[in-house]
C-alpha atoms as a PDB file:
ATOM      1  CA  MET A   1       7.265   1.977  13.020  1.00  0.00           C
ATOM      2  CA  LYS A   2       5.778  -1.316  11.825  1.00  0.00           C
ATOM      3  CA  ASN A   3       7.252  -3.206  14.796  1.00  0.00           C
ATOM      4  CA  GLU A   4       6.014  -0.558  17.227  1.00  0.00           C
ATOM      5  CA  LEU A   5       2.490  -0.783  15.821  1.00  0.00           C
ATOM      6  CA  GLU A   6       2.544  -4.584  15.901  1.00  0.00           C
ATOM      7  CA  THR A   7       3.438  -4.392  19.597  1.00  0.00           C
ATOM      8  CA  LEU A   8       0.695  -1.825  20.137  1.00  0.00           C
ATOM      9  CA  ARG A   9      -1.857  -4.040  18.357  1.00  0.00           C
ATOM     10  CA  LEU A  10      -1.157  -6.869  20.774  1.00  0.00           C
ATOM     11  CA  GLN A  11      -1.732  -4.719  23.852  1.00  0.00           C
ATOM     12  CA  GLU A  12      -5.024  -5.147  25.652  1.00  0.00           C
ATOM     13  CA  ASN A  13      -5.386  -1.429  26.356  1.00  0.00           C
ATOM     14  CA  ILE A  14      -4.188   1.223  23.949  1.00  0.00           C
ATOM     15  CA  ALA A  15      -3.763   4.711  25.380  1.00  0.00           C
ATOM     16  CA  GLY A  16      -3.664   6.438  21.998  1.00  0.00           C
ATOM     17  CA  PHE A  17      -1.841   6.937  18.726  1.00  0.00           C
ATOM     18  CA  THR A  18       0.981   9.384  18.126  1.00  0.00           C
ATOM     19  CA  SER A  19       0.862  11.680  15.107  1.00  0.00           C
ATOM     20  CA  VAL A  20       3.766   9.751  13.592  1.00  0.00           C
ATOM     21  CA  ALA A  21       1.971   6.419  14.045  1.00  0.00           C
ATOM     22  CA  LEU A  22      -1.248   7.815  12.581  1.00  0.00           C
ATOM     23  CA  MET A  23       0.543   9.180   9.500  1.00  0.00           C
ATOM     24  CA  TRP A  24       2.336   5.861   8.975  1.00  0.00           C
ATOM     25  CA  MET A  25      -0.968   4.005   9.209  1.00  0.00           C
ATOM     26  CA  LEU A  26      -2.594   6.365   6.696  1.00  0.00           C
ATOM     27  CA  LYS A  27       0.302   5.875   4.259  1.00  0.00           C
ATOM     28  CA  HIS A  28      -0.033   2.096   4.531  1.00  0.00           C
ATOM     29  CA  LEU A  29      -3.827   1.839   4.415  1.00  0.00           C
ATOM     30  CA  GLY A  30      -3.648   0.427   0.880  1.00  0.00           C
ATOM     31  CA  ASP A  31      -0.393  -1.494   1.335  1.00  0.00           C
ATOM     32  CA  GLU A  32       0.119  -4.434  -1.017  1.00  0.00           C
ATOM     33  CA  ASP A  33       1.193  -6.563   1.947  1.00  0.00           C
ATOM     34  CA  GLY A  34      -2.046  -7.955   3.335  1.00  0.00           C
ATOM     35  CA  ALA A  35      -0.560  -8.423   6.793  1.00  0.00           C
ATOM     36  CA  VAL A  36       0.302  -4.722   7.011  1.00  0.00           C
ATOM     37  CA  ARG A  37      -2.937  -3.538   5.417  1.00  0.00           C
ATOM     38  CA  ASP A  38      -5.452  -5.891   7.061  1.00  0.00           C
ATOM     39  CA  GLU A  39      -3.945  -7.267  10.225  1.00  0.00           C
ATOM     40  CA  LEU A  40      -2.142  -4.127  11.338  1.00  0.00           C
ATOM     41  CA  VAL A  41      -3.451  -0.874   9.891  1.00  0.00           C
ATOM     42  CA  THR A  42      -7.119  -1.718   9.428  1.00  0.00           C
ATOM     43  CA  ALA A  43      -7.238  -3.559  12.748  1.00  0.00           C
ATOM     44  CA  LEU A  44      -5.733  -0.605  14.613  1.00  0.00           C
ATOM     45  CA  PHE A  45      -8.043   1.902  12.920  1.00  0.00           C
ATOM     46  CA  ALA A  46     -11.035  -0.265  13.828  1.00  0.00           C
ATOM     47  CA  ARG A  47      -9.921  -0.475  17.448  1.00  0.00           C
ATOM     48  CA  GLY A  48      -9.258   3.241  17.479  1.00  0.00           C
ATOM     49  CA  PHE A  49     -12.849   3.984  16.510  1.00  0.00           C
ATOM     50  CA  GLU A  50     -14.550   1.181  18.451  1.00  0.00           C
ATOM     51  CA  GLU A  51     -12.660   1.757  21.692  1.00  0.00           C
ATOM     52  CA  HIS A  52     -12.776   5.579  21.425  1.00  0.00           C
ATOM     53  CA  ILE A  53      -8.980   5.828  21.381  1.00  0.00           C
ATOM     54  CA  LEU A  54      -8.789   8.352  18.552  1.00  0.00           C
ATOM     55  CA  THR A  55      -9.119  12.045  19.248  1.00  0.00           C
ATOM     56  CA  ASP A  56     -11.604  14.115  17.241  1.00  0.00           C
ATOM     57  CA  LYS A  57      -8.685  15.650  15.339  1.00  0.00           C
ATOM     58  CA  GLN A  58      -7.336  12.192  14.458  1.00  0.00           C
ATOM     59  CA  LYS A  59     -10.774  11.033  13.302  1.00  0.00           C
ATOM     60  CA  LYS A  60     -10.980  14.016  10.957  1.00  0.00           C
ATOM     61  CA  GLN A  61      -7.504  13.233   9.574  1.00  0.00           C
ATOM     62  CA  ILE A  62      -8.549   9.662   8.835  1.00  0.00           C
ATOM     63  CA  ILE A  63     -11.843  10.602   7.270  1.00  0.00           C
END
């Protein structure tokens, strides 16, 4: 999943996040590995909110 999300992060346009990807990101939000936590998970969550990629249901899951 990490490799898939890294590929997704590099894409200019993200269509959305799968439930599996979202759950993985939530589980790794506090990861000890700064690259996973900051450069991958936090960056994707930020893009999800800023670019209106997340559904309302996904936003509620994150919050």
